[in-house]
Amino acid sequence: MAKPKIVAIDDEADFIATLKDYFGLRGYDIEVAVRGAKGIELIAERRPDVVLIDLKMPGIDGDEVLKLIRSMSPSPKVIFITAYDDGGKTRARLLEMGAYAYFDKPVSSLKLLEETVQKASQS
């Protein structure tokens, strides 16, 4: 089975490097960006199957990225990974807006994230 193409957008350089290393070493085609605007460019160019997005970023935040993705194409599955916590209100709102899944930072299991990426790409 082909591995899904991934674009990851997060303003934390260490975390984005961890994602690139983890997925890259497992044979995934992954591109990363530390700004929302660059991430949107990558999504337009690469047409990924799955997009991993942080919620709170300078400039274009995760909410705006999700809206822009949906205006470009409904096909990429979007998974949020964020430390932002407001008792689940944001999680519910993002899932209602079309996000596939929502992970809290720090991510407790990259393996679980990888399994979710696989499931998202097949749905």
PDB file of N, CA and C in Angstrom:
ATOM      1  N   MET A   1       0.842  -1.177   0.000  1.00  0.00           N
ATOM      2  CA  MET A   1       0.000   0.000   0.000  1.00  0.00           C
ATOM      3  C   MET A   1       0.889   1.242   0.000  1.00  0.00           C
ATOM      4  N   ALA A   2       0.551   2.179  -0.851  1.00  0.00           N
ATOM      5  CA  ALA A   2       1.329   3.418  -0.947  1.00  0.00           C
ATOM      6  C   ALA A   2       1.144   4.261   0.302  1.00  0.00           C
ATOM      7  N   LYS A   3       2.222   4.882   0.714  1.00  0.00           N
ATOM      8  CA  LYS A   3       2.161   5.760   1.887  1.00  0.00           C
ATOM      9  C   LYS A   3       1.594   7.106   1.447  1.00  0.00           C
ATOM     10  N   PRO A   4       0.772   7.704   2.306  1.00  0.00           N
ATOM     11  CA  PRO A   4       0.184   8.996   1.948  1.00  0.00           C
ATOM     12  C   PRO A   4       1.219  10.116   1.914  1.00  0.00           C
ATOM     13  N   LYS A   5       0.957  11.106   1.054  1.00  0.00           N
ATOM     14  CA  LYS A   5       1.771  12.325   1.032  1.00  0.00           C
ATOM     15  C   LYS A   5       1.278  13.225   2.162  1.00  0.00           C
ATOM     16  N   ILE A   6       2.241  13.827   2.865  1.00  0.00           N
ATOM     17  CA  ILE A   6       1.922  14.644   4.038  1.00  0.00           C
ATOM     18  C   ILE A   6       2.549  16.022   3.908  1.00  0.00           C
ATOM     19  N   VAL A   7       1.806  17.040   4.319  1.00  0.00           N
ATOM     20  CA  VAL A   7       2.363  18.365   4.569  1.00  0.00           C
ATOM     21  C   VAL A   7       2.101  18.658   6.044  1.00  0.00           C
ATOM     22  N   ALA A   8       3.140  19.063   6.771  1.00  0.00           N
ATOM     23  CA  ALA A   8       3.015  19.407   8.188  1.00  0.00           C
ATOM     24  C   ALA A   8       3.347  20.882   8.369  1.00  0.00           C
ATOM     25  N   ILE A   9       2.497  21.589   9.120  1.00  0.00           N
ATOM     26  CA  ILE A   9       2.684  23.020   9.346  1.00  0.00           C
ATOM     27  C   ILE A   9       2.657  23.275  10.854  1.00  0.00           C
ATOM     28  N   ASP A  10       3.758  23.777  11.381  1.00  0.00           N
ATOM     29  CA  ASP A  10       3.862  24.055  12.813  1.00  0.00           C
ATOM     30  C   ASP A  10       4.986  25.051  13.024  1.00  0.00           C
ATOM     31  N   ASP A  11       4.756  26.043  13.884  1.00  0.00           N
ATOM     32  CA  ASP A  11       5.784  27.056  14.108  1.00  0.00           C
ATOM     33  C   ASP A  11       6.870  26.621  15.086  1.00  0.00           C
ATOM     34  N   GLU A  12       6.755  25.428  15.669  1.00  0.00           N
ATOM     35  CA  GLU A  12       7.799  24.905  16.555  1.00  0.00           C
ATOM     36  C   GLU A  12       8.785  24.095  15.717  1.00  0.00           C
ATOM     37  N   ALA A  13       9.957  24.664  15.501  1.00  0.00           N
ATOM     38  CA  ALA A  13      10.954  24.040  14.614  1.00  0.00           C
ATOM     39  C   ALA A  13      11.351  22.643  15.090  1.00  0.00           C
ATOM     40  N   ASP A  14      11.517  22.449  16.403  1.00  0.00           N
ATOM     41  CA  ASP A  14      11.911  21.132  16.915  1.00  0.00           C
ATOM     42  C   ASP A  14      10.839  20.084  16.638  1.00  0.00           C
ATOM     43  N   PHE A  15       9.579  20.467  16.850  1.00  0.00           N
ATOM     44  CA  PHE A  15       8.488  19.520  16.620  1.00  0.00           C
ATOM     45  C   PHE A  15       8.355  19.172  15.140  1.00  0.00           C
ATOM     46  N   ILE A  16       8.470  20.161  14.284  1.00  0.00           N
ATOM     47  CA  ILE A  16       8.344  19.917  12.849  1.00  0.00           C
ATOM     48  C   ILE A  16       9.495  19.029  12.359  1.00  0.00           C
ATOM     49  N   ALA A  17      10.695  19.215  12.944  1.00  0.00           N
ATOM     50  CA  ALA A  17      11.838  18.358  12.598  1.00  0.00           C
ATOM     51  C   ALA A  17      11.586  16.918  13.053  1.00  0.00           C
ATOM     52  N   THR A  18      10.970  16.767  14.217  1.00  0.00           N
ATOM     53  CA  THR A  18      10.628  15.430  14.714  1.00  0.00           C
ATOM     54  C   THR A  18       9.650  14.741  13.771  1.00  0.00           C
ATOM     55  N   LEU A  19       8.625  15.465  13.335  1.00  0.00           N
ATOM     56  CA  LEU A  19       7.663  14.877  12.397  1.00  0.00           C
ATOM     57  C   LEU A  19       8.333  14.490  11.084  1.00  0.00           C
ATOM     58  N   LYS A  20       9.173  15.386  10.556  1.00  0.00           N
ATOM     59  CA  LYS A  20       9.863  15.109   9.285  1.00  0.00           C
ATOM     60  C   LYS A  20      10.737  13.861   9.420  1.00  0.00           C
ATOM     61  N   ASP A  21      11.488  13.770  10.520  1.00  0.00           N
ATOM     62  CA  ASP A  21      12.346  12.602  10.743  1.00  0.00           C
ATOM     63  C   ASP A  21      11.520  11.327  10.900  1.00  0.00           C
ATOM     64  N   TYR A  22      10.509  11.385  11.754  1.00  0.00           N
ATOM     65  CA  TYR A  22       9.702  10.193  12.034  1.00  0.00           C
ATOM     66  C   TYR A  22       9.059   9.653  10.760  1.00  0.00           C
ATOM     67  N   PHE A  23       8.331  10.505  10.057  1.00  0.00           N
ATOM     68  CA  PHE A  23       7.623  10.035   8.860  1.00  0.00           C
ATOM     69  C   PHE A  23       8.583   9.771   7.701  1.00  0.00           C
ATOM     70  N   GLY A  24       9.601  10.612   7.553  1.00  0.00           N
ATOM     71  CA  GLY A  24      10.578  10.421   6.479  1.00  0.00           C
ATOM     72  C   GLY A  24      11.314   9.100   6.582  1.00  0.00           C
ATOM     73  N   LEU A  25      11.719   8.739   7.802  1.00  0.00           N
ATOM     74  CA  LEU A  25      12.430   7.475   8.016  1.00  0.00           C
ATOM     75  C   LEU A  25      11.546   6.262   7.755  1.00  0.00           C
ATOM     76  N   ARG A  26      10.253   6.453   7.761  1.00  0.00           N
ATOM     77  CA  ARG A  26       9.310   5.365   7.512  1.00  0.00           C
ATOM     78  C   ARG A  26       8.796   5.362   6.073  1.00  0.00           C
ATOM     79  N   GLY A  27       9.424   6.159   5.221  1.00  0.00           N
ATOM     80  CA  GLY A  27       9.114   6.118   3.797  1.00  0.00           C
ATOM     81  C   GLY A  27       7.994   7.024   3.327  1.00  0.00           C
ATOM     82  N   TYR A  28       7.538   7.911   4.191  1.00  0.00           N
ATOM     83  CA  TYR A  28       6.484   8.843   3.787  1.00  0.00           C
ATOM     84  C   TYR A  28       7.101  10.009   3.023  1.00  0.00           C
ATOM     85  N   ASP A  29       6.334  10.533   2.086  1.00  0.00           N
ATOM     86  CA  ASP A  29       6.688  11.760   1.371  1.00  0.00           C
ATOM     87  C   ASP A  29       6.130  12.895   2.219  1.00  0.00           C
ATOM     88  N   ILE A  30       7.001  13.578   2.978  1.00  0.00           N
ATOM     89  CA  ILE A  30       6.549  14.633   3.884  1.00  0.00           C
ATOM     90  C   ILE A  30       7.301  15.925   3.622  1.00  0.00           C
ATOM     91  N   GLU A  31       6.558  17.000   3.517  1.00  0.00           N
ATOM     92  CA  GLU A  31       7.121  18.346   3.405  1.00  0.00           C
ATOM     93  C   GLU A  31       6.645  19.127   4.619  1.00  0.00           C
ATOM     94  N   VAL A  32       7.491  20.034   5.107  1.00  0.00           N
ATOM     95  CA  VAL A  32       7.144  20.777   6.312  1.00  0.00           C
ATOM     96  C   VAL A  32       7.284  22.280   6.104  1.00  0.00           C
ATOM     97  N   ALA A  33       6.523  23.027   6.919  1.00  0.00           N
ATOM     98  CA  ALA A  33       6.584  24.487   6.891  1.00  0.00           C
ATOM     99  C   ALA A  33       6.423  24.996   8.319  1.00  0.00           C
ATOM    100  N   VAL A  34       7.112  26.104   8.624  1.00  0.00           N
ATOM    101  CA  VAL A  34       6.989  26.702   9.958  1.00  0.00           C
ATOM    102  C   VAL A  34       6.058  27.912   9.962  1.00  0.00           C
ATOM    103  N   ARG A  35       5.456  28.210   8.839  1.00  0.00           N
ATOM    104  CA  ARG A  35       4.485  29.304   8.724  1.00  0.00           C
ATOM    105  C   ARG A  35       3.291  28.833   7.908  1.00  0.00           C
ATOM    106  N   GLY A  36       2.109  29.331   8.270  1.00  0.00           N
ATOM    107  CA  GLY A  36       0.889  28.943   7.569  1.00  0.00           C
ATOM    108  C   GLY A  36       0.918  29.266   6.090  1.00  0.00           C
ATOM    109  N   ALA A  37       1.436  30.458   5.737  1.00  0.00           N
ATOM    110  CA  ALA A  37       1.465  30.870   4.329  1.00  0.00           C
ATOM    111  C   ALA A  37       2.313  29.913   3.492  1.00  0.00           C
ATOM    112  N   LYS A  38       3.473  29.519   4.005  1.00  0.00           N
ATOM    113  CA  LYS A  38       4.333  28.571   3.293  1.00  0.00           C
ATOM    114  C   LYS A  38       3.653  27.209   3.198  1.00  0.00           C
ATOM    115  N   GLY A  39       2.949  26.842   4.251  1.00  0.00           N
ATOM    116  CA  GLY A  39       2.220  25.580   4.241  1.00  0.00           C
ATOM    117  C   GLY A  39       1.159  25.548   3.154  1.00  0.00           C
ATOM    118  N   ILE A  40       0.447  26.661   2.989  1.00  0.00           N
ATOM    119  CA  ILE A  40      -0.570  26.754   1.938  1.00  0.00           C
ATOM    120  C   ILE A  40       0.074  26.585   0.562  1.00  0.00           C
ATOM    121  N   GLU A  41       1.241  27.207   0.365  1.00  0.00           N
ATOM    122  CA  GLU A  41       1.972  27.037  -0.904  1.00  0.00           C
ATOM    123  C   GLU A  41       2.309  25.565  -1.148  1.00  0.00           C
ATOM    124  N   LEU A  42       2.808  24.897  -0.100  1.00  0.00           N
ATOM    125  CA  LEU A  42       3.169  23.481  -0.229  1.00  0.00           C
ATOM    126  C   LEU A  42       1.946  22.626  -0.557  1.00  0.00           C
ATOM    127  N   ILE A  43       0.823  22.943   0.072  1.00  0.00           N
ATOM    128  CA  ILE A  43      -0.398  22.180  -0.180  1.00  0.00           C
ATOM    129  C   ILE A  43      -0.832  22.349  -1.634  1.00  0.00           C
ATOM    130  N   ALA A  44      -0.775  23.574  -2.144  1.00  0.00           N
ATOM    131  CA  ALA A  44      -1.147  23.833  -3.542  1.00  0.00           C
ATOM    132  C   ALA A  44      -0.212  23.103  -4.506  1.00  0.00           C
ATOM    133  N   GLU A  45       1.091  23.084  -4.192  1.00  0.00           N
ATOM    134  CA  GLU A  45       2.080  22.436  -5.061  1.00  0.00           C
ATOM    135  C   GLU A  45       2.024  20.915  -4.978  1.00  0.00           C
ATOM    136  N   ARG A  46       1.987  20.390  -3.753  1.00  0.00           N
ATOM    137  CA  ARG A  46       2.176  18.964  -3.514  1.00  0.00           C
ATOM    138  C   ARG A  46       0.893  18.141  -3.537  1.00  0.00           C
ATOM    139  N   ARG A  47      -0.230  18.783  -3.308  1.00  0.00           N
ATOM    140  CA  ARG A  47      -1.519  18.089  -3.238  1.00  0.00           C
ATOM    141  C   ARG A  47      -1.445  16.871  -2.316  1.00  0.00           C
ATOM    142  N   PRO A  48      -1.222  17.109  -1.033  1.00  0.00           N
ATOM    143  CA  PRO A  48      -1.045  15.996  -0.089  1.00  0.00           C
ATOM    144  C   PRO A  48      -2.356  15.268   0.203  1.00  0.00           C
ATOM    145  N   ASP A  49      -2.208  14.062   0.720  1.00  0.00           N
ATOM    146  CA  ASP A  49      -3.360  13.291   1.182  1.00  0.00           C
ATOM    147  C   ASP A  49      -3.773  13.737   2.586  1.00  0.00           C
ATOM    148  N   VAL A  50      -2.757  14.089   3.393  1.00  0.00           N
ATOM    149  CA  VAL A  50      -2.980  14.450   4.787  1.00  0.00           C
ATOM    150  C   VAL A  50      -2.187  15.702   5.117  1.00  0.00           C
ATOM    151  N   VAL A  51      -2.808  16.610   5.890  1.00  0.00           N
ATOM    152  CA  VAL A  51      -2.135  17.818   6.357  1.00  0.00           C
ATOM    153  C   VAL A  51      -2.167  17.809   7.885  1.00  0.00           C
ATOM    154  N   LEU A  52      -0.994  17.960   8.494  1.00  0.00           N
ATOM    155  CA  LEU A  52      -0.868  18.072   9.949  1.00  0.00           C
ATOM    156  C   LEU A  52      -0.670  19.545  10.271  1.00  0.00           C
ATOM    157  N   ILE A  53      -1.516  20.112  11.127  1.00  0.00           N
ATOM    158  CA  ILE A  53      -1.473  21.557  11.376  1.00  0.00           C
ATOM    159  C   ILE A  53      -1.509  21.855  12.869  1.00  0.00           C
ATOM    160  N   ASP A  54      -0.673  22.804  13.274  1.00  0.00           N
ATOM    161  CA  ASP A  54      -0.764  23.397  14.608  1.00  0.00           C
ATOM    162  C   ASP A  54      -1.899  24.419  14.571  1.00  0.00           C
ATOM    163  N   LEU A  55      -2.529  24.667  15.698  1.00  0.00           N
ATOM    164  CA  LEU A  55      -3.635  25.620  15.727  1.00  0.00           C
ATOM    165  C   LEU A  55      -3.144  27.055  15.870  1.00  0.00           C
ATOM    166  N   LYS A  56      -2.312  27.301  16.859  1.00  0.00           N
ATOM    167  CA  LYS A  56      -1.861  28.663  17.159  1.00  0.00           C
ATOM    168  C   LYS A  56      -0.492  28.902  16.536  1.00  0.00           C
ATOM    169  N   MET A  57      -0.478  29.732  15.485  1.00  0.00           N
ATOM    170  CA  MET A  57       0.772  30.089  14.813  1.00  0.00           C
ATOM    171  C   MET A  57       0.721  31.574  14.478  1.00  0.00           C
ATOM    172  N   PRO A  58       1.876  32.223  14.393  1.00  0.00           N
ATOM    173  CA  PRO A  58       1.874  33.630  13.967  1.00  0.00           C
ATOM    174  C   PRO A  58       1.439  33.744  12.504  1.00  0.00           C
ATOM    175  N   GLY A  59       0.840  34.856  12.160  1.00  0.00           N
ATOM    176  CA  GLY A  59       0.374  35.036  10.781  1.00  0.00           C
ATOM    177  C   GLY A  59      -0.907  34.261  10.574  1.00  0.00           C
ATOM    178  N   ILE A  60      -0.900  33.382   9.610  1.00  0.00           N
ATOM    179  CA  ILE A  60      -2.078  32.558   9.317  1.00  0.00           C
ATOM    180  C   ILE A  60      -2.105  31.394  10.301  1.00  0.00           C
ATOM    181  N   ASP A  61      -3.155  31.344  11.135  1.00  0.00           N
ATOM    182  CA  ASP A  61      -3.233  30.261  12.120  1.00  0.00           C
ATOM    183  C   ASP A  61      -3.929  29.038  11.527  1.00  0.00           C
ATOM    184  N   GLY A  62      -4.040  27.990  12.332  1.00  0.00           N
ATOM    185  CA  GLY A  62      -4.596  26.731  11.860  1.00  0.00           C
ATOM    186  C   GLY A  62      -6.022  26.822  11.354  1.00  0.00           C
ATOM    187  N   ASP A  63      -6.856  27.659  12.020  1.00  0.00           N
ATOM    188  CA  ASP A  63      -8.231  27.859  11.554  1.00  0.00           C
ATOM    189  C   ASP A  63      -8.251  28.354  10.116  1.00  0.00           C
ATOM    190  N   GLU A  64      -7.446  29.379   9.848  1.00  0.00           N
ATOM    191  CA  GLU A  64      -7.392  29.959   8.499  1.00  0.00           C
ATOM    192  C   GLU A  64      -6.833  28.969   7.487  1.00  0.00           C
ATOM    193  N   VAL A  65      -5.819  28.207   7.907  1.00  0.00           N
ATOM    194  CA  VAL A  65      -5.250  27.198   7.007  1.00  0.00           C
ATOM    195  C   VAL A  65      -6.332  26.192   6.611  1.00  0.00           C
ATOM    196  N   LEU A  66      -7.116  25.729   7.593  1.00  0.00           N
ATOM    197  CA  LEU A  66      -8.182  24.774   7.300  1.00  0.00           C
ATOM    198  C   LEU A  66      -9.185  25.377   6.307  1.00  0.00           C
ATOM    199  N   LYS A  67      -9.592  26.623   6.527  1.00  0.00           N
ATOM    200  CA  LYS A  67     -10.541  27.275   5.614  1.00  0.00           C
ATOM    201  C   LYS A  67      -9.953  27.388   4.202  1.00  0.00           C
ATOM    202  N   LEU A  68      -8.674  27.757   4.117  1.00  0.00           N
ATOM    203  CA  LEU A  68      -8.031  27.882   2.811  1.00  0.00           C
ATOM    204  C   LEU A  68      -7.909  26.533   2.108  1.00  0.00           C
ATOM    205  N   ILE A  69      -7.579  25.486   2.868  1.00  0.00           N
ATOM    206  CA  ILE A  69      -7.494  24.146   2.281  1.00  0.00           C
ATOM    207  C   ILE A  69      -8.843  23.765   1.697  1.00  0.00           C
ATOM    208  N   ARG A  70      -9.902  23.973   2.464  1.00  0.00           N
ATOM    209  CA  ARG A  70     -11.244  23.595   2.007  1.00  0.00           C
ATOM    210  C   ARG A  70     -11.671  24.413   0.788  1.00  0.00           C
ATOM    211  N   SER A  71     -11.207  25.647   0.680  1.00  0.00           N
ATOM    212  CA  SER A  71     -11.551  26.440  -0.500  1.00  0.00           C
ATOM    213  C   SER A  71     -10.776  25.962  -1.734  1.00  0.00           C
ATOM    214  N   MET A  72      -9.600  25.357  -1.517  1.00  0.00           N
ATOM    215  CA  MET A  72      -8.788  24.843  -2.623  1.00  0.00           C
ATOM    216  C   MET A  72      -9.251  23.456  -3.059  1.00  0.00           C
ATOM    217  N   SER A  73      -9.511  22.594  -2.068  1.00  0.00           N
ATOM    218  CA  SER A  73      -9.855  21.207  -2.371  1.00  0.00           C
ATOM    219  C   SER A  73     -10.418  20.548  -1.116  1.00  0.00           C
ATOM    220  N   PRO A  74     -11.481  19.789  -1.260  1.00  0.00           N
ATOM    221  CA  PRO A  74     -12.020  19.103  -0.087  1.00  0.00           C
ATOM    222  C   PRO A  74     -11.284  17.808   0.246  1.00  0.00           C
ATOM    223  N   SER A  75     -10.361  17.385  -0.604  1.00  0.00           N
ATOM    224  CA  SER A  75      -9.794  16.051  -0.441  1.00  0.00           C
ATOM    225  C   SER A  75      -8.754  15.861   0.656  1.00  0.00           C
ATOM    226  N   PRO A  76      -7.826  16.790   0.935  1.00  0.00           N
ATOM    227  CA  PRO A  76      -6.843  16.461   1.977  1.00  0.00           C
ATOM    228  C   PRO A  76      -7.514  16.319   3.348  1.00  0.00           C
ATOM    229  N   LYS A  77      -7.121  15.291   4.070  1.00  0.00           N
ATOM    230  CA  LYS A  77      -7.593  15.113   5.441  1.00  0.00           C
ATOM    231  C   LYS A  77      -6.703  15.973   6.338  1.00  0.00           C
ATOM    232  N   VAL A  78      -7.323  16.674   7.268  1.00  0.00           N
ATOM    233  CA  VAL A  78      -6.598  17.602   8.134  1.00  0.00           C
ATOM    234  C   VAL A  78      -6.602  17.074   9.562  1.00  0.00           C
ATOM    235  N   ILE A  79      -5.404  16.981  10.137  1.00  0.00           N
ATOM    236  CA  ILE A  79      -5.240  16.546  11.519  1.00  0.00           C
ATOM    237  C   ILE A  79      -4.579  17.690  12.287  1.00  0.00           C
ATOM    238  N   PHE A  80      -5.250  18.166  13.319  1.00  0.00           N
ATOM    239  CA  PHE A  80      -4.680  19.227  14.158  1.00  0.00           C
ATOM    240  C   PHE A  80      -3.854  18.618  15.268  1.00  0.00           C
ATOM    241  N   ILE A  81      -2.716  19.264  15.555  1.00  0.00           N
ATOM    242  CA  ILE A  81      -1.857  18.876  16.672  1.00  0.00           C
ATOM    243  C   ILE A  81      -1.543  20.169  17.412  1.00  0.00           C
ATOM    244  N   THR A  82      -2.078  20.312  18.622  1.00  0.00           N
ATOM    245  CA  THR A  82      -1.929  21.591  19.307  1.00  0.00           C
ATOM    246  C   THR A  82      -1.865  21.446  20.822  1.00  0.00           C
ATOM    247  N   ALA A  83      -1.219  22.407  21.451  1.00  0.00           N
ATOM    248  CA  ALA A  83      -1.166  22.471  22.909  1.00  0.00           C
ATOM    249  C   ALA A  83      -2.308  23.329  23.451  1.00  0.00           C
ATOM    250  N   TYR A  84      -3.048  23.971  22.568  1.00  0.00           N
ATOM    251  CA  TYR A  84      -4.141  24.843  22.987  1.00  0.00           C
ATOM    252  C   TYR A  84      -5.255  24.012  23.616  1.00  0.00           C
ATOM    253  N   ASP A  85      -5.703  24.424  24.795  1.00  0.00           N
ATOM    254  CA  ASP A  85      -6.732  23.670  25.503  1.00  0.00           C
ATOM    255  C   ASP A  85      -7.778  24.614  26.061  1.00  0.00           C
ATOM    256  N   ASP A  86      -9.009  24.420  25.640  1.00  0.00           N
ATOM    257  CA  ASP A  86     -10.111  25.230  26.168  1.00  0.00           C
ATOM    258  C   ASP A  86     -11.271  24.323  26.585  1.00  0.00           C
ATOM    259  N   GLY A  87     -10.925  23.151  27.084  1.00  0.00           N
ATOM    260  CA  GLY A  87     -11.945  22.232  27.553  1.00  0.00           C
ATOM    261  C   GLY A  87     -12.687  21.499  26.453  1.00  0.00           C
ATOM    262  N   GLY A  88     -12.134  21.445  25.276  1.00  0.00           N
ATOM    263  CA  GLY A  88     -12.731  20.679  24.183  1.00  0.00           C
ATOM    264  C   GLY A  88     -13.584  21.478  23.216  1.00  0.00           C
ATOM    265  N   LYS A  89     -13.818  22.764  23.487  1.00  0.00           N
ATOM    266  CA  LYS A  89     -14.655  23.578  22.589  1.00  0.00           C
ATOM    267  C   LYS A  89     -14.013  23.706  21.212  1.00  0.00           C
ATOM    268  N   THR A  90     -12.716  24.001  21.199  1.00  0.00           N
ATOM    269  CA  THR A  90     -12.025  24.161  19.919  1.00  0.00           C
ATOM    270  C   THR A  90     -11.969  22.835  19.169  1.00  0.00           C
ATOM    271  N   ARG A  91     -11.697  21.747  19.883  1.00  0.00           N
ATOM    272  CA  ARG A  91     -11.676  20.418  19.260  1.00  0.00           C
ATOM    273  C   ARG A  91     -13.010  20.168  18.542  1.00  0.00           C
ATOM    274  N   ALA A  92     -14.117  20.387  19.238  1.00  0.00           N
ATOM    275  CA  ALA A  92     -15.440  20.148  18.647  1.00  0.00           C
ATOM    276  C   ALA A  92     -15.669  21.047  17.433  1.00  0.00           C
ATOM    277  N   ARG A  93     -15.286  22.310  17.554  1.00  0.00           N
ATOM    278  CA  ARG A  93     -15.480  23.255  16.442  1.00  0.00           C
ATOM    279  C   ARG A  93     -14.680  22.841  15.217  1.00  0.00           C
ATOM    280  N   LEU A  94     -13.410  22.466  15.420  1.00  0.00           N
ATOM    281  CA  LEU A  94     -12.561  22.081  14.286  1.00  0.00           C
ATOM    282  C   LEU A  94     -13.051  20.802  13.618  1.00  0.00           C
ATOM    283  N   LEU A  95     -13.501  19.857  14.409  1.00  0.00           N
ATOM    284  CA  LEU A  95     -14.032  18.620  13.831  1.00  0.00           C
ATOM    285  C   LEU A  95     -15.309  18.919  13.044  1.00  0.00           C
ATOM    286  N   GLU A  96     -16.117  19.830  13.560  1.00  0.00           N
ATOM    287  CA  GLU A  96     -17.329  20.246  12.847  1.00  0.00           C
ATOM    288  C   GLU A  96     -16.984  20.953  11.533  1.00  0.00           C
ATOM    289  N   MET A  97     -15.858  21.688  11.529  1.00  0.00           N
ATOM    290  CA  MET A  97     -15.417  22.402  10.321  1.00  0.00           C
ATOM    291  C   MET A  97     -14.790  21.470   9.287  1.00  0.00           C
ATOM    292  N   GLY A  98     -14.607  20.205   9.643  1.00  0.00           N
ATOM    293  CA  GLY A  98     -14.088  19.257   8.666  1.00  0.00           C
ATOM    294  C   GLY A  98     -12.734  18.667   8.972  1.00  0.00           C
ATOM    295  N   ALA A  99     -12.166  18.976  10.143  1.00  0.00           N
ATOM    296  CA  ALA A  99     -10.907  18.326  10.510  1.00  0.00           C
ATOM    297  C   ALA A  99     -11.166  16.836  10.716  1.00  0.00           C
ATOM    298  N   TYR A 100     -10.200  16.013  10.354  1.00  0.00           N
ATOM    299  CA  TYR A 100     -10.341  14.565  10.495  1.00  0.00           C
ATOM    300  C   TYR A 100     -10.089  14.128  11.939  1.00  0.00           C
ATOM    301  N   ALA A 101      -9.074  14.725  12.575  1.00  0.00           N
ATOM    302  CA  ALA A 101      -8.709  14.335  13.938  1.00  0.00           C
ATOM    303  C   ALA A 101      -8.015  15.492  14.639  1.00  0.00           C
ATOM    304  N   TYR A 102      -7.822  15.329  15.940  1.00  0.00           N
ATOM    305  CA  TYR A 102      -7.249  16.384  16.785  1.00  0.00           C
ATOM    306  C   TYR A 102      -6.381  15.707  17.833  1.00  0.00           C
ATOM    307  N   PHE A 103      -5.100  16.070  17.884  1.00  0.00           N
ATOM    308  CA  PHE A 103      -4.167  15.526  18.866  1.00  0.00           C
ATOM    309  C   PHE A 103      -3.690  16.650  19.778  1.00  0.00           C
ATOM    310  N   ASP A 104      -3.540  16.329  21.047  1.00  0.00           N
ATOM    311  CA  ASP A 104      -2.974  17.279  22.002  1.00  0.00           C
ATOM    312  C   ASP A 104      -1.453  17.169  21.982  1.00  0.00           C
ATOM    313  N   LYS A 105      -0.797  18.328  22.182  1.00  0.00           N
ATOM    314  CA  LYS A 105       0.652  18.346  22.378  1.00  0.00           C
ATOM    315  C   LYS A 105       0.902  18.356  23.879  1.00  0.00           C
ATOM    316  N   PRO A 106       1.941  17.730  24.308  1.00  0.00           N
ATOM    317  CA  PRO A 106       2.852  16.931  23.478  1.00  0.00           C
ATOM    318  C   PRO A 106       2.166  15.642  23.026  1.00  0.00           C
ATOM    319  N   VAL A 107       2.485  15.218  21.809  1.00  0.00           N
ATOM    320  CA  VAL A 107       1.911  13.995  21.252  1.00  0.00           C
ATOM    321  C   VAL A 107       2.460  12.820  22.056  1.00  0.00           C
ATOM    322  N   SER A 108       1.557  12.046  22.638  1.00  0.00           N
ATOM    323  CA  SER A 108       1.994  10.948  23.496  1.00  0.00           C
ATOM    324  C   SER A 108       2.516   9.758  22.696  1.00  0.00           C
ATOM    325  N   SER A 109       2.068   9.626  21.440  1.00  0.00           N
ATOM    326  CA  SER A 109       2.497   8.481  20.631  1.00  0.00           C
ATOM    327  C   SER A 109       2.559   8.857  19.157  1.00  0.00           C
ATOM    328  N   LEU A 110       3.765   8.927  18.619  1.00  0.00           N
ATOM    329  CA  LEU A 110       3.898   9.174  17.176  1.00  0.00           C
ATOM    330  C   LEU A 110       3.361   7.992  16.379  1.00  0.00           C
ATOM    331  N   LYS A 111       3.416   6.801  16.958  1.00  0.00           N
ATOM    332  CA  LYS A 111       2.867   5.614  16.297  1.00  0.00           C
ATOM    333  C   LYS A 111       1.360   5.768  16.128  1.00  0.00           C
ATOM    334  N   LEU A 112       0.660   6.265  17.163  1.00  0.00           N
ATOM    335  CA  LEU A 112      -0.779   6.496  17.064  1.00  0.00           C
ATOM    336  C   LEU A 112      -1.073   7.578  16.022  1.00  0.00           C
ATOM    337  N   LEU A 113      -0.245   8.617  15.985  1.00  0.00           N
ATOM    338  CA  LEU A 113      -0.400   9.655  14.960  1.00  0.00           C
ATOM    339  C   LEU A 113      -0.232   9.041  13.573  1.00  0.00           C
ATOM    340  N   GLU A 114       0.777   8.192  13.407  1.00  0.00           N
ATOM    341  CA  GLU A 114       1.003   7.539  12.115  1.00  0.00           C
ATOM    342  C   GLU A 114      -0.199   6.673  11.728  1.00  0.00           C
ATOM    343  N   GLU A 115      -0.750   5.929  12.676  1.00  0.00           N
ATOM    344  CA  GLU A 115      -1.931   5.103  12.389  1.00  0.00           C
ATOM    345  C   GLU A 115      -3.109   5.974  11.958  1.00  0.00           C
ATOM    346  N   THR A 116      -3.264   7.133  12.604  1.00  0.00           N
ATOM    347  CA  THR A 116      -4.345   8.048  12.248  1.00  0.00           C
ATOM    348  C   THR A 116      -4.137   8.627  10.861  1.00  0.00           C
ATOM    349  N   VAL A 117      -2.883   8.949  10.514  1.00  0.00           N
ATOM    350  CA  VAL A 117      -2.554   9.433   9.168  1.00  0.00           C
ATOM    351  C   VAL A 117      -2.933   8.358   8.134  1.00  0.00           C
ATOM    352  N   GLN A 118      -2.584   7.112   8.414  1.00  0.00           N
ATOM    353  CA  GLN A 118      -2.915   6.008   7.493  1.00  0.00           C
ATOM    354  C   GLN A 118      -4.424   5.882   7.312  1.00  0.00           C
ATOM    355  N   LYS A 119      -5.161   5.890   8.420  1.00  0.00           N
ATOM    356  CA  LYS A 119      -6.620   5.765   8.342  1.00  0.00           C
ATOM    357  C   LYS A 119      -7.230   6.945   7.593  1.00  0.00           C
ATOM    358  N   ALA A 120      -6.719   8.139   7.861  1.00  0.00           N
ATOM    359  CA  ALA A 120      -7.237   9.333   7.194  1.00  0.00           C
ATOM    360  C   ALA A 120      -7.057   9.246   5.687  1.00  0.00           C
ATOM    361  N   SER A 121      -5.905   8.751   5.270  1.00  0.00           N
ATOM    362  CA  SER A 121      -5.617   8.684   3.832  1.00  0.00           C
ATOM    363  C   SER A 121      -6.469   7.647   3.114  1.00  0.00           C
ATOM    364  N   GLN A 122      -7.013   6.717   3.865  1.00  0.00           N
ATOM    365  CA  GLN A 122      -7.826   5.644   3.264  1.00  0.00           C
ATOM    366  C   GLN A 122      -9.317   5.942   3.339  1.00  0.00           C
ATOM    367  N   SER A 123      -9.693   7.025   4.034  1.00  0.00           N
ATOM    368  CA  SER A 123     -11.121   7.301   4.176  1.00  0.00           C
ATOM    369  C   SER A 123     -11.631   8.251   3.126  1.00  0.00           C
TER     370      SER A 123
END
